N, C-alpha and C. Protein backbone atom coordinates (compact mmCIF):
# COMPACT_ATOMS: atom_id res chain seq x y z
N MET A 1 109.62 101.65 -146.74
CA MET A 1 109.52 100.64 -145.69
C MET A 1 108.75 101.23 -144.51
N THR A 2 107.72 100.53 -144.06
CA THR A 2 106.90 101.01 -142.95
C THR A 2 107.65 100.86 -141.62
N HIS A 3 107.13 101.52 -140.58
CA HIS A 3 107.73 101.36 -139.25
C HIS A 3 107.67 99.89 -138.82
N ARG A 4 106.58 99.22 -139.14
CA ARG A 4 106.43 97.81 -138.77
C ARG A 4 107.49 96.96 -139.48
N ASP A 5 107.70 97.22 -140.76
CA ASP A 5 108.74 96.50 -141.51
C ASP A 5 110.13 96.76 -140.92
N GLN A 6 110.37 98.01 -140.52
CA GLN A 6 111.66 98.35 -139.92
C GLN A 6 111.83 97.63 -138.58
N LEU A 7 110.74 97.54 -137.80
CA LEU A 7 110.79 96.85 -136.52
C LEU A 7 111.07 95.36 -136.73
N LYS A 8 110.45 94.77 -137.72
CA LYS A 8 110.71 93.36 -138.03
C LYS A 8 112.18 93.15 -138.38
N ARG A 9 112.72 94.02 -139.23
CA ARG A 9 114.13 93.92 -139.61
C ARG A 9 115.03 94.00 -138.38
N LEU A 10 114.74 94.95 -137.50
CA LEU A 10 115.57 95.14 -136.31
C LEU A 10 115.47 93.93 -135.37
N LEU A 11 114.28 93.40 -135.18
CA LEU A 11 114.12 92.20 -134.36
C LEU A 11 114.93 91.04 -134.93
N LEU A 12 114.88 90.86 -136.24
CA LEU A 12 115.64 89.77 -136.86
C LEU A 12 117.14 89.98 -136.70
N GLU A 13 117.59 91.22 -136.80
CA GLU A 13 119.02 91.52 -136.67
C GLU A 13 119.52 91.38 -135.23
N ARG A 14 118.74 91.84 -134.27
CA ARG A 14 119.23 91.97 -132.90
C ARG A 14 118.69 90.93 -131.91
N SER A 15 117.53 90.36 -132.21
CA SER A 15 116.83 89.61 -131.16
C SER A 15 116.57 88.14 -131.43
N VAL A 16 116.69 87.69 -132.65
CA VAL A 16 116.39 86.29 -132.98
C VAL A 16 117.69 85.50 -133.06
N ARG A 17 117.72 84.38 -132.35
CA ARG A 17 118.89 83.47 -132.36
C ARG A 17 118.40 82.07 -132.68
N PHE A 18 119.22 81.32 -133.42
CA PHE A 18 118.90 79.94 -133.76
C PHE A 18 119.86 79.00 -133.06
N GLY A 19 119.36 77.85 -132.64
CA GLY A 19 120.14 76.85 -131.91
C GLY A 19 119.18 76.00 -131.10
N ASN A 20 119.66 75.47 -129.99
CA ASN A 20 118.81 74.69 -129.09
C ASN A 20 118.65 75.48 -127.80
N PHE A 21 117.41 75.81 -127.46
CA PHE A 21 117.14 76.67 -126.31
C PHE A 21 116.05 76.08 -125.43
N MET A 22 116.15 76.34 -124.13
CA MET A 22 115.11 76.02 -123.17
C MET A 22 114.35 77.32 -122.91
N LEU A 23 113.04 77.30 -123.09
CA LEU A 23 112.21 78.48 -122.88
C LEU A 23 111.76 78.56 -121.42
N ALA A 24 111.29 79.74 -121.02
CA ALA A 24 110.81 79.93 -119.65
C ALA A 24 109.68 78.96 -119.32
N SER A 25 108.93 78.55 -120.35
CA SER A 25 107.81 77.62 -120.15
C SER A 25 108.30 76.20 -119.88
N GLY A 26 109.61 75.95 -120.09
CA GLY A 26 110.16 74.61 -119.93
C GLY A 26 110.26 73.85 -121.23
N ALA A 27 109.65 74.38 -122.28
CA ALA A 27 109.71 73.74 -123.60
C ALA A 27 111.07 74.02 -124.24
N SER A 28 111.45 73.17 -125.18
CA SER A 28 112.68 73.42 -125.94
C SER A 28 112.30 73.99 -127.30
N SER A 29 113.23 74.74 -127.89
CA SER A 29 112.97 75.41 -129.16
C SER A 29 114.25 75.50 -129.97
N THR A 30 114.09 75.55 -131.28
CA THR A 30 115.25 75.71 -132.17
C THR A 30 115.54 77.19 -132.44
N TYR A 31 114.74 78.07 -131.86
CA TYR A 31 115.01 79.50 -131.96
C TYR A 31 114.64 80.18 -130.65
N TYR A 32 115.25 81.34 -130.42
CA TYR A 32 115.00 82.10 -129.20
C TYR A 32 114.85 83.57 -129.60
N ILE A 33 113.87 84.22 -129.02
CA ILE A 33 113.66 85.64 -129.28
C ILE A 33 113.84 86.40 -127.98
N ASP A 34 114.94 87.13 -127.88
CA ASP A 34 115.19 88.02 -126.75
C ASP A 34 114.97 89.43 -127.27
N ALA A 35 113.79 89.96 -127.05
CA ALA A 35 113.42 91.25 -127.64
C ALA A 35 114.18 92.43 -127.05
N ARG A 36 114.80 92.26 -125.90
CA ARG A 36 115.42 93.41 -125.22
C ARG A 36 116.51 94.11 -126.02
N PRO A 37 117.39 93.41 -126.75
CA PRO A 37 118.36 94.16 -127.56
C PRO A 37 117.70 95.09 -128.58
N THR A 38 116.52 94.74 -129.02
CA THR A 38 115.76 95.61 -129.92
C THR A 38 115.03 96.69 -129.14
N THR A 39 114.26 96.30 -128.14
CA THR A 39 113.39 97.27 -127.45
C THR A 39 114.17 98.27 -126.60
N MET A 40 115.41 97.95 -126.25
CA MET A 40 116.22 98.87 -125.46
C MET A 40 117.14 99.74 -126.32
N SER A 41 117.11 99.54 -127.63
CA SER A 41 117.93 100.37 -128.52
C SER A 41 117.16 101.65 -128.86
N ALA A 42 117.89 102.69 -129.22
CA ALA A 42 117.26 103.96 -129.58
C ALA A 42 116.30 103.78 -130.75
N GLU A 43 116.75 103.09 -131.80
CA GLU A 43 115.89 102.86 -132.96
C GLU A 43 114.69 102.00 -132.58
N GLY A 44 114.93 100.97 -131.79
CA GLY A 44 113.86 100.09 -131.35
C GLY A 44 112.81 100.81 -130.53
N GLN A 45 113.25 101.72 -129.65
CA GLN A 45 112.31 102.50 -128.85
C GLN A 45 111.37 103.30 -129.74
N MET A 46 111.93 103.97 -130.74
CA MET A 46 111.10 104.77 -131.65
C MET A 46 110.11 103.88 -132.39
N LEU A 47 110.60 102.75 -132.92
CA LEU A 47 109.75 101.87 -133.72
C LEU A 47 108.68 101.18 -132.87
N VAL A 48 109.07 100.65 -131.72
CA VAL A 48 108.10 99.99 -130.83
C VAL A 48 107.05 100.99 -130.37
N GLY A 49 107.49 102.19 -130.03
CA GLY A 49 106.55 103.22 -129.60
C GLY A 49 105.52 103.54 -130.66
N GLN A 50 105.97 103.74 -131.89
CA GLN A 50 105.05 104.09 -132.97
C GLN A 50 104.14 102.93 -133.34
N VAL A 51 104.72 101.77 -133.59
CA VAL A 51 103.93 100.60 -134.00
C VAL A 51 102.97 100.19 -132.89
N GLY A 52 103.48 100.15 -131.65
CA GLY A 52 102.64 99.76 -130.52
C GLY A 52 101.51 100.74 -130.28
N PHE A 53 101.82 102.03 -130.32
CA PHE A 53 100.77 103.04 -130.11
C PHE A 53 99.71 102.95 -131.19
N ASP A 54 100.13 102.78 -132.44
CA ASP A 54 99.16 102.64 -133.53
C ASP A 54 98.22 101.46 -133.29
N MET A 55 98.78 100.32 -132.84
CA MET A 55 97.95 99.14 -132.57
C MET A 55 96.96 99.41 -131.43
N VAL A 56 97.45 100.06 -130.38
CA VAL A 56 96.58 100.36 -129.24
C VAL A 56 95.45 101.29 -129.68
N ARG A 57 95.79 102.33 -130.41
CA ARG A 57 94.77 103.29 -130.87
C ARG A 57 93.74 102.59 -131.75
N GLU A 58 94.20 101.77 -132.69
CA GLU A 58 93.29 101.09 -133.62
C GLU A 58 92.45 100.01 -132.95
N SER A 59 92.91 99.50 -131.79
CA SER A 59 92.19 98.42 -131.10
C SER A 59 90.88 98.88 -130.48
N GLY A 60 90.79 100.17 -130.15
CA GLY A 60 89.61 100.69 -129.47
C GLY A 60 89.53 100.32 -128.00
N LEU A 61 90.61 99.75 -127.43
CA LEU A 61 90.59 99.33 -126.03
C LEU A 61 90.67 100.49 -125.04
N GLU A 62 91.23 101.60 -125.44
CA GLU A 62 91.31 102.83 -124.65
C GLU A 62 91.90 102.64 -123.25
N PRO A 63 93.11 102.10 -123.14
CA PRO A 63 93.73 101.99 -121.82
C PRO A 63 94.18 103.35 -121.31
N THR A 64 94.20 103.48 -120.00
CA THR A 64 94.80 104.67 -119.37
C THR A 64 96.23 104.38 -118.97
N HIS A 65 96.56 103.08 -118.83
CA HIS A 65 97.89 102.65 -118.40
C HIS A 65 98.31 101.42 -119.21
N ILE A 66 99.64 101.30 -119.38
CA ILE A 66 100.19 100.20 -120.17
C ILE A 66 101.46 99.71 -119.49
N GLY A 67 101.56 98.39 -119.30
CA GLY A 67 102.75 97.85 -118.64
C GLY A 67 102.63 96.37 -118.43
N GLY A 68 103.60 95.81 -117.74
CA GLY A 68 103.62 94.38 -117.48
C GLY A 68 104.77 94.03 -116.57
N LEU A 69 105.14 92.75 -116.61
CA LEU A 69 106.22 92.28 -115.75
C LEU A 69 107.54 92.95 -116.13
N THR A 70 108.21 93.46 -115.10
CA THR A 70 109.53 94.01 -115.33
C THR A 70 110.47 92.84 -115.62
N MET A 71 111.30 92.80 -116.51
CA MET A 71 111.88 93.87 -117.27
C MET A 71 111.52 93.81 -118.73
N GLY A 72 110.99 92.69 -119.21
CA GLY A 72 110.68 92.57 -120.63
C GLY A 72 109.66 93.56 -121.13
N ALA A 73 108.65 93.85 -120.31
CA ALA A 73 107.59 94.77 -120.74
C ALA A 73 108.00 96.23 -120.62
N ASP A 74 108.95 96.54 -119.75
CA ASP A 74 109.26 97.94 -119.44
C ASP A 74 109.61 98.79 -120.66
N PRO A 75 110.60 98.42 -121.47
CA PRO A 75 110.94 99.31 -122.59
C PRO A 75 109.81 99.47 -123.60
N ILE A 76 109.01 98.44 -123.77
CA ILE A 76 107.87 98.52 -124.70
C ILE A 76 106.82 99.48 -124.15
N SER A 77 106.49 99.31 -122.88
CA SER A 77 105.49 100.16 -122.23
C SER A 77 105.90 101.62 -122.26
N TYR A 78 107.15 101.88 -121.92
CA TYR A 78 107.62 103.26 -121.84
C TYR A 78 107.69 103.89 -123.23
N ALA A 79 108.06 103.11 -124.24
CA ALA A 79 108.10 103.63 -125.61
C ALA A 79 106.70 104.01 -126.09
N ILE A 80 105.73 103.15 -125.80
CA ILE A 80 104.35 103.44 -126.20
C ILE A 80 103.80 104.63 -125.41
N ALA A 81 104.11 104.69 -124.11
CA ALA A 81 103.66 105.82 -123.29
C ALA A 81 104.23 107.13 -123.84
N HIS A 82 105.51 107.12 -124.18
CA HIS A 82 106.15 108.31 -124.73
C HIS A 82 105.46 108.73 -126.03
N ARG A 83 105.25 107.77 -126.92
CA ARG A 83 104.61 108.07 -128.21
C ARG A 83 103.19 108.59 -127.99
N SER A 84 102.48 108.01 -127.03
CA SER A 84 101.10 108.44 -126.77
C SER A 84 101.05 109.90 -126.36
N HIS A 85 102.03 110.33 -125.58
CA HIS A 85 102.08 111.74 -125.17
C HIS A 85 102.33 112.64 -126.38
N LEU A 86 103.27 112.23 -127.24
CA LEU A 86 103.56 113.02 -128.44
C LEU A 86 102.34 113.13 -129.35
N GLU A 87 101.49 112.11 -129.33
CA GLU A 87 100.28 112.09 -130.16
C GLU A 87 99.10 112.81 -129.48
N GLY A 88 99.31 113.30 -128.24
CA GLY A 88 98.24 114.00 -127.53
C GLY A 88 97.18 113.09 -126.95
N GLN A 89 97.51 111.80 -126.80
CA GLN A 89 96.58 110.82 -126.24
C GLN A 89 97.31 110.02 -125.16
N PRO A 90 97.68 110.66 -124.05
CA PRO A 90 98.58 110.04 -123.08
C PRO A 90 98.06 108.75 -122.44
N ILE A 91 98.94 107.76 -122.43
CA ILE A 91 98.73 106.49 -121.73
C ILE A 91 99.95 106.34 -120.83
N ASP A 92 99.74 106.29 -119.52
CA ASP A 92 100.86 106.18 -118.59
C ASP A 92 101.36 104.74 -118.49
N GLY A 93 102.62 104.61 -118.13
CA GLY A 93 103.22 103.29 -117.97
C GLY A 93 103.16 102.80 -116.53
N PHE A 94 103.35 101.50 -116.36
CA PHE A 94 103.49 100.89 -115.04
C PHE A 94 104.37 99.66 -115.17
N SER A 95 104.89 99.19 -114.05
CA SER A 95 105.69 97.96 -114.00
C SER A 95 105.19 97.08 -112.87
N VAL A 96 105.22 95.78 -113.11
CA VAL A 96 104.84 94.79 -112.11
C VAL A 96 106.07 93.96 -111.77
N ARG A 97 106.42 93.94 -110.48
CA ARG A 97 107.53 93.09 -110.03
C ARG A 97 107.03 91.66 -109.83
N LYS A 98 107.95 90.70 -109.88
CA LYS A 98 107.57 89.31 -109.60
C LYS A 98 107.06 89.16 -108.18
N GLU A 99 107.62 89.96 -107.28
CA GLU A 99 107.14 89.97 -105.89
C GLU A 99 107.32 91.37 -105.32
N ALA A 100 106.58 91.66 -104.26
CA ALA A 100 106.64 92.98 -103.64
C ALA A 100 108.02 93.23 -103.05
N LYS A 101 108.41 94.52 -103.05
CA LYS A 101 109.68 94.89 -102.42
C LYS A 101 109.60 94.61 -100.92
N HIS A 102 110.75 94.36 -100.33
CA HIS A 102 110.81 94.13 -98.88
C HIS A 102 111.33 95.36 -98.15
N TYR A 103 111.32 96.49 -98.82
CA TYR A 103 111.80 97.74 -98.23
C TYR A 103 110.99 98.89 -98.83
N GLY A 104 111.22 100.09 -98.33
CA GLY A 104 110.51 101.26 -98.85
C GLY A 104 109.00 101.10 -98.73
N THR A 105 108.30 101.36 -99.81
CA THR A 105 106.84 101.28 -99.81
C THR A 105 106.33 99.85 -99.90
N GLY A 106 107.19 98.92 -100.27
CA GLY A 106 106.79 97.52 -100.38
C GLY A 106 105.90 97.23 -101.58
N ASN A 107 105.91 98.13 -102.55
CA ASN A 107 105.03 97.97 -103.71
C ASN A 107 105.45 96.82 -104.62
N ARG A 108 104.47 96.15 -105.16
CA ARG A 108 104.72 95.18 -106.24
C ARG A 108 104.49 95.85 -107.59
N ILE A 109 103.59 96.83 -107.62
CA ILE A 109 103.27 97.55 -108.85
C ILE A 109 103.68 99.00 -108.69
N GLU A 110 104.41 99.51 -109.67
CA GLU A 110 104.83 100.92 -109.69
C GLU A 110 104.17 101.60 -110.88
N GLY A 111 103.73 102.84 -110.67
CA GLY A 111 103.21 103.58 -111.80
C GLY A 111 101.94 104.36 -111.57
N GLY A 112 101.51 104.52 -110.34
CA GLY A 112 100.38 105.40 -110.06
C GLY A 112 99.02 104.88 -110.49
N LEU A 113 98.80 103.59 -110.39
CA LEU A 113 97.49 103.03 -110.73
C LEU A 113 96.50 103.29 -109.61
N ASP A 114 95.23 103.48 -110.00
CA ASP A 114 94.17 103.57 -109.01
C ASP A 114 92.97 102.78 -109.52
N LEU A 115 91.88 102.80 -108.79
CA LEU A 115 90.73 101.97 -109.15
C LEU A 115 90.09 102.36 -110.48
N SER A 116 90.38 103.56 -110.99
CA SER A 116 89.83 103.98 -112.28
C SER A 116 90.73 103.60 -113.46
N SER A 117 91.89 103.02 -113.17
CA SER A 117 92.85 102.69 -114.23
C SER A 117 92.34 101.56 -115.12
N ARG A 118 92.53 101.75 -116.43
CA ARG A 118 92.22 100.74 -117.45
C ARG A 118 93.55 100.28 -118.02
N CYS A 119 93.94 99.06 -117.71
CA CYS A 119 95.30 98.59 -118.00
C CYS A 119 95.38 97.61 -119.16
N LEU A 120 96.34 97.87 -120.04
CA LEU A 120 96.70 96.95 -121.11
C LEU A 120 98.02 96.31 -120.70
N VAL A 121 98.03 94.99 -120.61
CA VAL A 121 99.22 94.26 -120.15
C VAL A 121 100.13 93.99 -121.35
N ILE A 122 101.42 94.27 -121.17
CA ILE A 122 102.41 94.13 -122.24
C ILE A 122 103.29 92.91 -121.99
N GLU A 123 103.65 92.23 -123.07
CA GLU A 123 104.61 91.12 -123.02
C GLU A 123 105.54 91.28 -124.20
N ASP A 124 106.84 91.04 -123.98
CA ASP A 124 107.76 91.16 -125.10
C ASP A 124 107.65 89.94 -126.01
N THR A 125 107.90 88.76 -125.48
CA THR A 125 107.76 87.52 -126.24
C THR A 125 106.82 86.60 -125.48
N LEU A 126 105.71 86.28 -126.10
CA LEU A 126 104.66 85.49 -125.46
C LEU A 126 104.72 84.05 -125.96
N THR A 127 104.81 83.11 -125.02
CA THR A 127 104.81 81.70 -125.40
C THR A 127 103.50 81.08 -124.92
N THR A 128 103.44 80.65 -123.68
CA THR A 128 102.20 80.03 -123.17
C THR A 128 101.28 81.05 -122.51
N GLY A 129 101.83 82.19 -122.10
CA GLY A 129 101.04 83.21 -121.42
C GLY A 129 101.03 83.08 -119.91
N LYS A 130 101.66 82.03 -119.39
CA LYS A 130 101.60 81.81 -117.94
C LYS A 130 102.34 82.88 -117.15
N SER A 131 103.46 83.38 -117.65
CA SER A 131 104.14 84.44 -116.91
C SER A 131 103.34 85.74 -116.97
N THR A 132 102.63 85.97 -118.06
CA THR A 132 101.78 87.15 -118.18
C THR A 132 100.64 87.08 -117.16
N LEU A 133 100.18 85.87 -116.88
CA LEU A 133 99.11 85.70 -115.88
C LEU A 133 99.53 86.21 -114.51
N ALA A 134 100.83 86.13 -114.19
CA ALA A 134 101.31 86.66 -112.91
C ALA A 134 101.05 88.16 -112.82
N ALA A 135 101.32 88.88 -113.90
CA ALA A 135 101.05 90.32 -113.93
C ALA A 135 99.55 90.58 -113.85
N ILE A 136 98.78 89.79 -114.58
CA ILE A 136 97.32 89.95 -114.59
C ILE A 136 96.75 89.74 -113.19
N GLU A 137 97.20 88.71 -112.49
CA GLU A 137 96.71 88.45 -111.13
C GLU A 137 97.08 89.58 -110.18
N ALA A 138 98.32 90.09 -110.28
CA ALA A 138 98.73 91.21 -109.42
C ALA A 138 97.87 92.44 -109.68
N LEU A 139 97.57 92.69 -110.94
CA LEU A 139 96.74 93.84 -111.29
C LEU A 139 95.31 93.67 -110.81
N ARG A 140 94.79 92.46 -110.92
CA ARG A 140 93.43 92.20 -110.41
C ARG A 140 93.38 92.42 -108.90
N GLU A 141 94.40 91.95 -108.20
CA GLU A 141 94.45 92.16 -106.74
C GLU A 141 94.51 93.65 -106.41
N HIS A 142 95.10 94.43 -107.30
CA HIS A 142 95.22 95.87 -107.12
C HIS A 142 93.89 96.59 -107.38
N GLY A 143 92.94 95.90 -108.04
CA GLY A 143 91.61 96.44 -108.25
C GLY A 143 91.41 97.25 -109.53
N VAL A 144 92.35 97.17 -110.47
CA VAL A 144 92.21 97.92 -111.71
C VAL A 144 91.38 97.13 -112.72
N THR A 145 90.96 97.80 -113.78
CA THR A 145 90.26 97.15 -114.89
C THR A 145 91.28 96.74 -115.94
N LEU A 146 91.21 95.49 -116.37
CA LEU A 146 92.10 95.00 -117.42
C LEU A 146 91.36 95.04 -118.75
N VAL A 147 92.03 95.55 -119.80
CA VAL A 147 91.36 95.68 -121.10
C VAL A 147 91.93 94.75 -122.16
N GLY A 148 93.10 94.15 -121.92
CA GLY A 148 93.68 93.26 -122.91
C GLY A 148 95.15 93.03 -122.68
N VAL A 149 95.75 92.30 -123.63
CA VAL A 149 97.18 91.98 -123.61
C VAL A 149 97.75 92.33 -124.97
N LEU A 150 98.92 92.96 -124.98
CA LEU A 150 99.64 93.26 -126.22
C LEU A 150 100.99 92.59 -126.16
N ALA A 151 101.29 91.75 -127.16
CA ALA A 151 102.58 91.07 -127.25
C ALA A 151 103.34 91.61 -128.45
N LEU A 152 104.63 91.86 -128.25
CA LEU A 152 105.47 92.24 -129.38
C LEU A 152 105.60 91.04 -130.33
N VAL A 153 105.93 89.87 -129.78
CA VAL A 153 106.00 88.64 -130.57
C VAL A 153 105.22 87.56 -129.85
N ASP A 154 104.30 86.93 -130.57
CA ASP A 154 103.49 85.83 -130.04
C ASP A 154 103.96 84.54 -130.69
N ARG A 155 104.50 83.64 -129.88
CA ARG A 155 104.95 82.35 -130.39
C ARG A 155 103.77 81.42 -130.71
N SER A 156 102.56 81.90 -130.47
CA SER A 156 101.32 81.21 -130.87
C SER A 156 101.18 79.82 -130.27
N GLU A 157 101.39 79.73 -128.97
CA GLU A 157 101.23 78.45 -128.28
C GLU A 157 100.06 78.51 -127.31
N ASN A 158 98.89 78.84 -127.83
CA ASN A 158 97.61 78.83 -127.12
C ASN A 158 97.39 79.97 -126.14
N ALA A 159 98.24 80.98 -126.15
CA ALA A 159 98.03 82.11 -125.24
C ALA A 159 96.75 82.87 -125.57
N LYS A 160 96.42 82.98 -126.85
CA LYS A 160 95.20 83.69 -127.24
C LYS A 160 93.98 83.04 -126.60
N GLU A 161 93.94 81.72 -126.60
CA GLU A 161 92.83 81.00 -125.98
C GLU A 161 92.83 81.20 -124.47
N LEU A 162 94.02 81.14 -123.87
CA LEU A 162 94.15 81.34 -122.43
C LEU A 162 93.58 82.69 -122.02
N PHE A 163 93.97 83.75 -122.71
CA PHE A 163 93.49 85.08 -122.36
C PHE A 163 92.01 85.24 -122.72
N GLY A 164 91.58 84.61 -123.80
CA GLY A 164 90.16 84.64 -124.17
C GLY A 164 89.28 84.04 -123.09
N GLU A 165 89.77 82.98 -122.44
CA GLU A 165 89.02 82.34 -121.36
C GLU A 165 88.79 83.28 -120.18
N ILE A 166 89.68 84.26 -120.01
CA ILE A 166 89.51 85.20 -118.91
C ILE A 166 89.04 86.57 -119.41
N GLY A 167 88.56 86.60 -120.66
CA GLY A 167 87.93 87.80 -121.19
C GLY A 167 88.86 88.90 -121.66
N LEU A 168 90.12 88.56 -121.97
CA LEU A 168 91.07 89.57 -122.41
C LEU A 168 91.49 89.32 -123.86
N PRO A 169 91.26 90.28 -124.74
CA PRO A 169 91.73 90.12 -126.12
C PRO A 169 93.26 90.20 -126.18
N LEU A 170 93.84 89.48 -127.13
CA LEU A 170 95.28 89.49 -127.35
C LEU A 170 95.58 90.19 -128.66
N LEU A 171 96.40 91.24 -128.58
CA LEU A 171 96.92 91.93 -129.75
C LEU A 171 98.37 91.51 -129.91
N SER A 172 98.78 91.16 -131.12
CA SER A 172 100.17 90.76 -131.36
C SER A 172 100.73 91.60 -132.50
N VAL A 173 101.88 92.23 -132.25
CA VAL A 173 102.55 92.97 -133.32
C VAL A 173 103.00 91.98 -134.39
N PHE A 174 103.63 90.88 -133.96
CA PHE A 174 104.08 89.83 -134.87
C PHE A 174 103.77 88.47 -134.27
N SER A 175 103.40 87.52 -135.11
CA SER A 175 103.45 86.12 -134.69
C SER A 175 104.89 85.67 -134.95
N ALA A 176 105.34 84.65 -134.25
CA ALA A 176 106.69 84.14 -134.50
C ALA A 176 106.82 83.66 -135.94
N THR A 177 105.78 83.03 -136.45
CA THR A 177 105.81 82.55 -137.84
C THR A 177 106.02 83.70 -138.80
N GLU A 178 105.27 84.77 -138.60
CA GLU A 178 105.41 85.95 -139.47
C GLU A 178 106.79 86.58 -139.34
N LEU A 179 107.29 86.67 -138.11
CA LEU A 179 108.60 87.28 -137.89
C LEU A 179 109.69 86.48 -138.59
N LEU A 180 109.60 85.15 -138.51
CA LEU A 180 110.67 84.30 -139.03
C LEU A 180 110.56 84.00 -140.52
N GLU A 181 109.40 84.31 -141.13
CA GLU A 181 109.27 84.01 -142.56
C GLU A 181 110.18 84.92 -143.38
N LYS A 182 110.63 84.40 -144.49
CA LYS A 182 111.51 85.15 -145.37
C LYS A 182 110.72 86.26 -146.05
N THR A 183 111.33 87.43 -146.13
CA THR A 183 110.65 88.56 -146.77
C THR A 183 111.24 88.83 -148.13
């Protein structure tokens, strides 16, 4: 069983629920994917790090930093960053808050980004892509270069087209259809 197959199994065991759900986009769904029980587990961290890093390396996008909106993107970003260091090809992590802090440094973005940073934006479960756009806009305001978007699970509701319109390729570990199909 490959790491990707193991990750699929873990997502199905820990993160997929069936019923009637309201999504962040406002749409209703008969299933819900909360990736955090998977991505925050020890096994999930290892699997997400390996599978995610392999996808990033094979994409040719060459990011220097990887991250997205806290908290869904955080465990994925950190797992991939950790794996990248073990592979001798370090990619640092970052986090984007929904809004800037009102104390301390007042940062909205944490992680040591500068104008030379090449950022890959992470999303745990991607539906319409609109919440990911918030991270993208914050990063653009910060002056970094954006190289693409990586989603753990893409519910395939036109996000690829949305990101394509702004020049960002979308990499997806799983489509929702693929994740939910019987193996």
